[in-house]
Amino acid sequence: MGIKNFFKNAFGDMKKNAKAQHEVDKANFAAAKAESRATWEEAKMSPAARQDLMQKERDAQIKAANERTAAAEARINNAKNGK
């Protein structure tokens, strides 16, 4: 392989990587923009609506914690029974 091909391949790889990174950056920017908009919309909510949203989030967290507890208890029982 000559030096010319080496640089041709190297710059080609850099171009592909730059395009791929640009796509990642665009996706991250769009996500940050959407999150910012969601935060703004939540800030404009009435206090009662905000309380309802917070309660739903707490309920979801409690449900997830209960599921984790049940899974851990199942693992404990399996370990005790030698399975």
PDB file of N, CA and C in Angstrom:
ATOM      1  N   MET A   1       0.857  -1.172   0.000  1.00  0.00           N
ATOM      2  CA  MET A   1       0.000   0.000   0.000  1.00  0.00           C
ATOM      3  C   MET A   1       0.900   1.231   0.000  1.00  0.00           C
ATOM      4  N   GLY A   2       0.619   2.124  -0.899  1.00  0.00           N
ATOM      5  CA  GLY A   2       1.419   3.328  -0.987  1.00  0.00           C
ATOM      6  C   GLY A   2       0.923   4.392  -0.023  1.00  0.00           C
ATOM      7  N   ILE A   3       1.725   5.388   0.129  1.00  0.00           N
ATOM      8  CA  ILE A   3       1.395   6.493   1.029  1.00  0.00           C
ATOM      9  C   ILE A   3       0.139   7.222   0.563  1.00  0.00           C
ATOM     10  N   LYS A   4      -0.043   7.279  -0.748  1.00  0.00           N
ATOM     11  CA  LYS A   4      -1.218   7.958  -1.299  1.00  0.00           C
ATOM     12  C   LYS A   4      -2.500   7.233  -0.889  1.00  0.00           C
ATOM     13  N   ASN A   5      -2.502   5.910  -0.995  1.00  0.00           N
ATOM     14  CA  ASN A   5      -3.679   5.127  -0.587  1.00  0.00           C
ATOM     15  C   ASN A   5      -3.922   5.215   0.912  1.00  0.00           C
ATOM     16  N   PHE A   6      -2.811   5.235   1.673  1.00  0.00           N
ATOM     17  CA  PHE A   6      -2.946   5.347   3.117  1.00  0.00           C
ATOM     18  C   PHE A   6      -3.702   6.614   3.497  1.00  0.00           C
ATOM     19  N   PHE A   7      -3.289   7.743   2.955  1.00  0.00           N
ATOM     20  CA  PHE A   7      -3.945   9.007   3.282  1.00  0.00           C
ATOM     21  C   PHE A   7      -5.363   9.065   2.722  1.00  0.00           C
ATOM     22  N   LYS A   8      -5.549   8.473   1.542  1.00  0.00           N
ATOM     23  CA  LYS A   8      -6.889   8.434   0.952  1.00  0.00           C
ATOM     24  C   LYS A   8      -7.842   7.670   1.877  1.00  0.00           C
ATOM     25  N   ASN A   9      -7.406   6.540   2.388  1.00  0.00           N
ATOM     26  CA  ASN A   9      -8.236   5.750   3.306  1.00  0.00           C
ATOM     27  C   ASN A   9      -8.433   6.465   4.641  1.00  0.00           C
ATOM     28  N   ALA A  10      -7.381   7.074   5.132  1.00  0.00           N
ATOM     29  CA  ALA A  10      -7.462   7.760   6.423  1.00  0.00           C
ATOM     30  C   ALA A  10      -8.459   8.917   6.356  1.00  0.00           C
ATOM     31  N   PHE A  11      -8.358   9.721   5.316  1.00  0.00           N
ATOM     32  CA  PHE A  11      -9.287  10.847   5.201  1.00  0.00           C
ATOM     33  C   PHE A  11     -10.704  10.379   4.913  1.00  0.00           C
ATOM     34  N   GLY A  12     -10.855   9.285   4.202  1.00  0.00           N
ATOM     35  CA  GLY A  12     -12.184   8.716   3.970  1.00  0.00           C
ATOM     36  C   GLY A  12     -12.826   8.255   5.277  1.00  0.00           C
ATOM     37  N   ASP A  13     -12.020   7.609   6.123  1.00  0.00           N
ATOM     38  CA  ASP A  13     -12.524   7.173   7.431  1.00  0.00           C
ATOM     39  C   ASP A  13     -12.900   8.360   8.303  1.00  0.00           C
ATOM     40  N   MET A  14     -12.074   9.398   8.279  1.00  0.00           N
ATOM     41  CA  MET A  14     -12.381  10.590   9.068  1.00  0.00           C
ATOM     42  C   MET A  14     -13.683  11.232   8.608  1.00  0.00           C
ATOM     43  N   LYS A  15     -13.921  11.239   7.299  1.00  0.00           N
ATOM     44  CA  LYS A  15     -15.150  11.825   6.760  1.00  0.00           C
ATOM     45  C   LYS A  15     -16.363  11.021   7.236  1.00  0.00           C
ATOM     46  N   LYS A  16     -16.272   9.700   7.185  1.00  0.00           N
ATOM     47  CA  LYS A  16     -17.378   8.849   7.648  1.00  0.00           C
ATOM     48  C   LYS A  16     -17.644   9.070   9.136  1.00  0.00           C
ATOM     49  N   ASN A  17     -16.581   9.132   9.922  1.00  0.00           N
ATOM     50  CA  ASN A  17     -16.730   9.339  11.360  1.00  0.00           C
ATOM     51  C   ASN A  17     -17.332  10.707  11.674  1.00  0.00           C
ATOM     52  N   ALA A  18     -16.939  11.715  10.931  1.00  0.00           N
ATOM     53  CA  ALA A  18     -17.475  13.062  11.144  1.00  0.00           C
ATOM     54  C   ALA A  18     -18.967  13.093  10.827  1.00  0.00           C
ATOM     55  N   LYS A  19     -19.376  12.417   9.753  1.00  0.00           N
ATOM     56  CA  LYS A  19     -20.801  12.369   9.414  1.00  0.00           C
ATOM     57  C   LYS A  19     -21.594  11.644  10.491  1.00  0.00           C
ATOM     58  N   ALA A  20     -21.055  10.529  10.974  1.00  0.00           N
ATOM     59  CA  ALA A  20     -21.741   9.765  12.012  1.00  0.00           C
ATOM     60  C   ALA A  20     -21.862  10.583  13.297  1.00  0.00           C
ATOM     61  N   GLN A  21     -20.792  11.282  13.681  1.00  0.00           N
ATOM     62  CA  GLN A  21     -20.831  12.102  14.885  1.00  0.00           C
ATOM     63  C   GLN A  21     -21.811  13.255  14.727  1.00  0.00           C
ATOM     64  N   HIS A  22     -21.918  13.794  13.523  1.00  0.00           N
ATOM     65  CA  HIS A  22     -22.871  14.879  13.266  1.00  0.00           C
ATOM     66  C   HIS A  22     -24.300  14.389  13.483  1.00  0.00           C
ATOM     67  N   GLU A  23     -24.594  13.179  13.048  1.00  0.00           N
ATOM     68  CA  GLU A  23     -25.927  12.605  13.261  1.00  0.00           C
ATOM     69  C   GLU A  23     -26.208  12.440  14.744  1.00  0.00           C
ATOM     70  N   VAL A  24     -25.219  11.985  15.497  1.00  0.00           N
ATOM     71  CA  VAL A  24     -25.377  11.842  16.947  1.00  0.00           C
ATOM     72  C   VAL A  24     -25.626  13.207  17.588  1.00  0.00           C
ATOM     73  N   ASP A  25     -24.852  14.194  17.176  1.00  0.00           N
ATOM     74  CA  ASP A  25     -25.020  15.542  17.721  1.00  0.00           C
ATOM     75  C   ASP A  25     -26.405  16.107  17.415  1.00  0.00           C
ATOM     76  N   LYS A  26     -26.897  15.888  16.194  1.00  0.00           N
ATOM     77  CA  LYS A  26     -28.235  16.370  15.831  1.00  0.00           C
ATOM     78  C   LYS A  26     -29.304  15.704  16.695  1.00  0.00           C
ATOM     79  N   ALA A  27     -29.168  14.402  16.918  1.00  0.00           N
ATOM     80  CA  ALA A  27     -30.146  13.683  17.734  1.00  0.00           C
ATOM     81  C   ALA A  27     -30.109  14.170  19.184  1.00  0.00           C
ATOM     82  N   ASN A  28     -28.918  14.375  19.729  1.00  0.00           N
ATOM     83  CA  ASN A  28     -28.796  14.873  21.100  1.00  0.00           C
ATOM     84  C   ASN A  28     -29.364  16.282  21.232  1.00  0.00           C
ATOM     85  N   PHE A  29     -29.134  17.126  20.234  1.00  0.00           N
ATOM     86  CA  PHE A  29     -29.670  18.477  20.263  1.00  0.00           C
ATOM     87  C   PHE A  29     -31.194  18.457  20.230  1.00  0.00           C
ATOM     88  N   ALA A  30     -31.767  17.600  19.381  1.00  0.00           N
ATOM     89  CA  ALA A  30     -33.223  17.493  19.303  1.00  0.00           C
ATOM     90  C   ALA A  30     -33.804  17.002  20.633  1.00  0.00           C
ATOM     91  N   ALA A  31     -33.124  16.061  21.271  1.00  0.00           N
ATOM     92  CA  ALA A  31     -33.594  15.555  22.560  1.00  0.00           C
ATOM     93  C   ALA A  31     -33.527  16.642  23.630  1.00  0.00           C
ATOM     94  N   ALA A  32     -32.438  17.391  23.667  1.00  0.00           N
ATOM     95  CA  ALA A  32     -32.301  18.472  24.651  1.00  0.00           C
ATOM     96  C   ALA A  32     -33.356  19.542  24.423  1.00  0.00           C
ATOM     97  N   LYS A  33     -33.633  19.841  23.170  1.00  0.00           N
ATOM     98  CA  LYS A  33     -34.642  20.845  22.836  1.00  0.00           C
ATOM     99  C   LYS A  33     -36.028  20.384  23.291  1.00  0.00           C
ATOM    100  N   ALA A  34     -36.350  19.108  23.059  1.00  0.00           N
ATOM    101  CA  ALA A  34     -37.644  18.575  23.473  1.00  0.00           C
ATOM    102  C   ALA A  34     -37.766  18.551  24.994  1.00  0.00           C
ATOM    103  N   GLU A  35     -36.696  18.179  25.683  1.00  0.00           N
ATOM    104  CA  GLU A  35     -36.722  18.176  27.149  1.00  0.00           C
ATOM    105  C   GLU A  35     -36.908  19.579  27.701  1.00  0.00           C
ATOM    106  N   SER A  36     -36.244  20.542  27.085  1.00  0.00           N
ATOM    107  CA  SER A  36     -36.391  21.929  27.511  1.00  0.00           C
ATOM    108  C   SER A  36     -37.828  22.400  27.329  1.00  0.00           C
ATOM    109  N   ARG A  37     -38.427  22.040  26.203  1.00  0.00           N
ATOM    110  CA  ARG A  37     -39.815  22.424  25.941  1.00  0.00           C
ATOM    111  C   ARG A  37     -40.751  21.773  26.953  1.00  0.00           C
ATOM    112  N   ALA A  38     -40.498  20.505  27.281  1.00  0.00           N
ATOM    113  CA  ALA A  38     -41.326  19.803  28.263  1.00  0.00           C
ATOM    114  C   ALA A  38     -41.221  20.466  29.638  1.00  0.00           C
ATOM    115  N   THR A  39     -40.015  20.855  30.004  1.00  0.00           N
ATOM    116  CA  THR A  39     -39.819  21.538  31.288  1.00  0.00           C
ATOM    117  C   THR A  39     -40.578  22.859  31.307  1.00  0.00           C
ATOM    118  N   TRP A  40     -40.530  23.590  30.201  1.00  0.00           N
ATOM    119  CA  TRP A  40     -41.239  24.865  30.103  1.00  0.00           C
ATOM    120  C   TRP A  40     -42.745  24.657  30.231  1.00  0.00           C
ATOM    121  N   GLU A  41     -43.275  23.656  29.533  1.00  0.00           N
ATOM    122  CA  GLU A  41     -44.712  23.383  29.589  1.00  0.00           C
ATOM    123  C   GLU A  41     -45.126  22.960  30.999  1.00  0.00           C
ATOM    124  N   GLU A  42     -44.295  22.169  31.662  1.00  0.00           N
ATOM    125  CA  GLU A  42     -44.596  21.765  33.033  1.00  0.00           C
ATOM    126  C   GLU A  42     -44.576  22.963  33.975  1.00  0.00           C
ATOM    127  N   ALA A  43     -43.688  23.919  33.722  1.00  0.00           N
ATOM    128  CA  ALA A  43     -43.598  25.096  34.580  1.00  0.00           C
ATOM    129  C   ALA A  43     -44.849  25.966  34.455  1.00  0.00           C
ATOM    130  N   LYS A  44     -45.499  25.907  33.299  1.00  0.00           N
ATOM    131  CA  LYS A  44     -46.699  26.720  33.087  1.00  0.00           C
ATOM    132  C   LYS A  44     -47.962  26.055  33.615  1.00  0.00           C
ATOM    133  N   MET A  45     -47.846  24.822  34.115  1.00  0.00           N
ATOM    134  CA  MET A  45     -49.024  24.094  34.599  1.00  0.00           C
ATOM    135  C   MET A  45     -49.584  24.762  35.855  1.00  0.00           C
ATOM    136  N   SER A  46     -50.861  24.529  36.079  1.00  0.00           N
ATOM    137  CA  SER A  46     -51.466  25.033  37.308  1.00  0.00           C
ATOM    138  C   SER A  46     -50.942  24.206  38.481  1.00  0.00           C
ATOM    139  N   PRO A  47     -51.000  24.749  39.686  1.00  0.00           N
ATOM    140  CA  PRO A  47     -50.508  23.997  40.851  1.00  0.00           C
ATOM    141  C   PRO A  47     -51.219  22.650  41.028  1.00  0.00           C
ATOM    142  N   ALA A  48     -52.512  22.598  40.785  1.00  0.00           N
ATOM    143  CA  ALA A  48     -53.236  21.341  40.945  1.00  0.00           C
ATOM    144  C   ALA A  48     -52.777  20.314  39.911  1.00  0.00           C
ATOM    145  N   ALA A  49     -52.577  20.749  38.679  1.00  0.00           N
ATOM    146  CA  ALA A  49     -52.113  19.831  37.629  1.00  0.00           C
ATOM    147  C   ALA A  49     -50.698  19.357  37.931  1.00  0.00           C
ATOM    148  N   ARG A  50     -49.860  20.253  38.455  1.00  0.00           N
ATOM    149  CA  ARG A  50     -48.498  19.882  38.809  1.00  0.00           C
ATOM    150  C   ARG A  50     -48.497  18.848  39.931  1.00  0.00           C
ATOM    151  N   GLN A  51     -49.375  19.027  40.916  1.00  0.00           N
ATOM    152  CA  GLN A  51     -49.476  18.054  42.010  1.00  0.00           C
ATOM    153  C   GLN A  51     -49.909  16.690  41.483  1.00  0.00           C
ATOM    154  N   ASP A  52     -50.853  16.680  40.546  1.00  0.00           N
ATOM    155  CA  ASP A  52     -51.305  15.414  39.950  1.00  0.00           C
ATOM    156  C   ASP A  52     -50.152  14.731  39.212  1.00  0.00           C
ATOM    157  N   LEU A  53     -49.383  15.500  38.457  1.00  0.00           N
ATOM    158  CA  LEU A  53     -48.248  14.947  37.720  1.00  0.00           C
ATOM    159  C   LEU A  53     -47.218  14.367  38.686  1.00  0.00           C
ATOM    160  N   MET A  54     -46.921  15.100  39.742  1.00  0.00           N
ATOM    161  CA  MET A  54     -45.946  14.626  40.724  1.00  0.00           C
ATOM    162  C   MET A  54     -46.438  13.362  41.414  1.00  0.00           C
ATOM    163  N   GLN A  55     -47.734  13.280  41.697  1.00  0.00           N
ATOM    164  CA  GLN A  55     -48.278  12.090  42.349  1.00  0.00           C
ATOM    165  C   GLN A  55     -48.181  10.879  41.419  1.00  0.00           C
ATOM    166  N   LYS A  56     -48.442  11.074  40.131  1.00  0.00           N
ATOM    167  CA  LYS A  56     -48.305   9.982  39.164  1.00  0.00           C
ATOM    168  C   LYS A  56     -46.867   9.485  39.103  1.00  0.00           C
ATOM    169  N   GLU A  57     -45.911  10.415  39.138  1.00  0.00           N
ATOM    170  CA  GLU A  57     -44.506  10.031  39.116  1.00  0.00           C
ATOM    171  C   GLU A  57     -44.136   9.253  40.373  1.00  0.00           C
ATOM    172  N   ARG A  58     -44.632   9.704  41.536  1.00  0.00           N
ATOM    173  CA  ARG A  58     -44.356   8.983  42.780  1.00  0.00           C
ATOM    174  C   ARG A  58     -44.977   7.594  42.752  1.00  0.00           C
ATOM    175  N   ASP A  59     -46.206   7.487  42.232  1.00  0.00           N
ATOM    176  CA  ASP A  59     -46.858   6.176  42.138  1.00  0.00           C
ATOM    177  C   ASP A  59     -46.059   5.230  41.247  1.00  0.00           C
ATOM    178  N   ALA A  60     -45.538   5.748  40.146  1.00  0.00           N
ATOM    179  CA  ALA A  60     -44.734   4.922  39.239  1.00  0.00           C
ATOM    180  C   ALA A  60     -43.446   4.469  39.923  1.00  0.00           C
ATOM    181  N   GLN A  61     -42.834   5.347  40.710  1.00  0.00           N
ATOM    182  CA  GLN A  61     -41.615   4.985  41.429  1.00  0.00           C
ATOM    183  C   GLN A  61     -41.898   3.923  42.489  1.00  0.00           C
ATOM    184  N   ILE A  62     -43.021   4.050  43.183  1.00  0.00           N
ATOM    185  CA  ILE A  62     -43.398   3.061  44.198  1.00  0.00           C
ATOM    186  C   ILE A  62     -43.645   1.709  43.539  1.00  0.00           C
ATOM    187  N   LYS A  63     -44.338   1.716  42.399  1.00  0.00           N
ATOM    188  CA  LYS A  63     -44.620   0.471  41.689  1.00  0.00           C
ATOM    189  C   LYS A  63     -43.319  -0.202  41.270  1.00  0.00           C
ATOM    190  N   ALA A  64     -42.372   0.579  40.728  1.00  0.00           N
ATOM    191  CA  ALA A  64     -41.088   0.023  40.300  1.00  0.00           C
ATOM    192  C   ALA A  64     -40.318  -0.541  41.494  1.00  0.00           C
ATOM    193  N   ALA A  65     -40.355   0.147  42.615  1.00  0.00           N
ATOM    194  CA  ALA A  65     -39.657  -0.333  43.814  1.00  0.00           C
ATOM    195  C   ALA A  65     -40.286  -1.626  44.316  1.00  0.00           C
ATOM    196  N   ASN A  66     -41.606  -1.710  44.283  1.00  0.00           N
ATOM    197  CA  ASN A  66     -42.277  -2.935  44.719  1.00  0.00           C
ATOM    198  C   ASN A  66     -41.929  -4.110  43.806  1.00  0.00           C
ATOM    199  N   GLU A  67     -41.823  -3.863  42.508  1.00  0.00           N
ATOM    200  CA  GLU A  67     -41.441  -4.914  41.570  1.00  0.00           C
ATOM    201  C   GLU A  67     -40.011  -5.382  41.833  1.00  0.00           C
ATOM    202  N   ARG A  68     -39.122  -4.450  42.111  1.00  0.00           N
ATOM    203  CA  ARG A  68     -37.739  -4.822  42.426  1.00  0.00           C
ATOM    204  C   ARG A  68     -37.679  -5.637  43.704  1.00  0.00           C
ATOM    205  N   THR A  69     -38.494  -5.263  44.705  1.00  0.00           N
ATOM    206  CA  THR A  69     -38.535  -5.997  45.962  1.00  0.00           C
ATOM    207  C   THR A  69     -39.028  -7.419  45.736  1.00  0.00           C
ATOM    208  N   ALA A  70     -40.075  -7.566  44.941  1.00  0.00           N
ATOM    209  CA  ALA A  70     -40.613  -8.894  44.660  1.00  0.00           C
ATOM    210  C   ALA A  70     -39.593  -9.751  43.923  1.00  0.00           C
ATOM    211  N   ALA A  71     -38.876  -9.165  42.969  1.00  0.00           N
ATOM    212  CA  ALA A  71     -37.853  -9.907  42.235  1.00  0.00           C
ATOM    213  C   ALA A  71     -36.721 -10.335  43.168  1.00  0.00           C
ATOM    214  N   ALA A  72     -36.326  -9.456  44.077  1.00  0.00           N
ATOM    215  CA  ALA A  72     -35.261  -9.786  45.023  1.00  0.00           C
ATOM    216  C   ALA A  72     -35.704 -10.905  45.967  1.00  0.00           C
ATOM    217  N   GLU A  73     -36.945 -10.850  46.416  1.00  0.00           N
ATOM    218  CA  GLU A  73     -37.454 -11.905  47.297  1.00  0.00           C
ATOM    219  C   GLU A  73     -37.509 -13.239  46.568  1.00  0.00           C
ATOM    220  N   ALA A  74     -37.851 -13.231  45.290  1.00  0.00           N
ATOM    221  CA  ALA A  74     -37.858 -14.468  44.505  1.00  0.00           C
ATOM    222  C   ALA A  74     -36.443 -15.020  44.374  1.00  0.00           C
ATOM    223  N   ARG A  75     -35.472 -14.142  44.165  1.00  0.00           N
ATOM    224  CA  ARG A  75     -34.080 -14.593  44.089  1.00  0.00           C
ATOM    225  C   ARG A  75     -33.625 -15.185  45.415  1.00  0.00           C
ATOM    226  N   ILE A  76     -34.053 -14.571  46.523  1.00  0.00           N
ATOM    227  CA  ILE A  76     -33.683 -15.082  47.856  1.00  0.00           C
ATOM    228  C   ILE A  76     -34.281 -16.477  48.062  1.00  0.00           C
ATOM    229  N   ASN A  77     -35.542 -16.634  47.706  1.00  0.00           N
ATOM    230  CA  ASN A  77     -36.195 -17.940  47.870  1.00  0.00           C
ATOM    231  C   ASN A  77     -35.520 -18.993  46.991  1.00  0.00           C
ATOM    232  N   ASN A  78     -35.161 -18.624  45.760  1.00  0.00           N
ATOM    233  CA  ASN A  78     -34.478 -19.567  44.875  1.00  0.00           C
ATOM    234  C   ASN A  78     -33.121 -19.963  45.440  1.00  0.00           C
ATOM    235  N   ALA A  79     -32.410 -19.006  46.035  1.00  0.00           N
ATOM    236  CA  ALA A  79     -31.107 -19.291  46.609  1.00  0.00           C
ATOM    237  C   ALA A  79     -31.235 -20.189  47.827  1.00  0.00           C
ATOM    238  N   LYS A  80     -32.267 -19.977  48.636  1.00  0.00           N
ATOM    239  CA  LYS A  80     -32.463 -20.791  49.827  1.00  0.00           C
ATOM    240  C   LYS A  80     -32.842 -22.220  49.469  1.00  0.00           C
ATOM    241  N   ASN A  81     -33.614 -22.381  48.402  1.00  0.00           N
ATOM    242  CA  ASN A  81     -34.076 -23.699  47.994  1.00  0.00           C
ATOM    243  C   ASN A  81     -33.047 -24.427  47.129  1.00  0.00           C
ATOM    244  N   GLY A  82     -31.938 -23.787  46.828  1.00  0.00           N
ATOM    245  CA  GLY A  82     -30.867 -24.429  46.081  1.00  0.00           C
ATOM    246  C   GLY A  82     -31.134 -24.551  44.596  1.00  0.00           C
ATOM    247  N   LYS A  83     -31.942 -23.699  44.055  1.00  0.00           N
ATOM    248  CA  LYS A  83     -32.224 -23.760  42.613  1.00  0.00           C
ATOM    249  C   LYS A  83     -31.257 -22.942  41.840  1.00  0.00           C
TER     250      LYS A  83
END
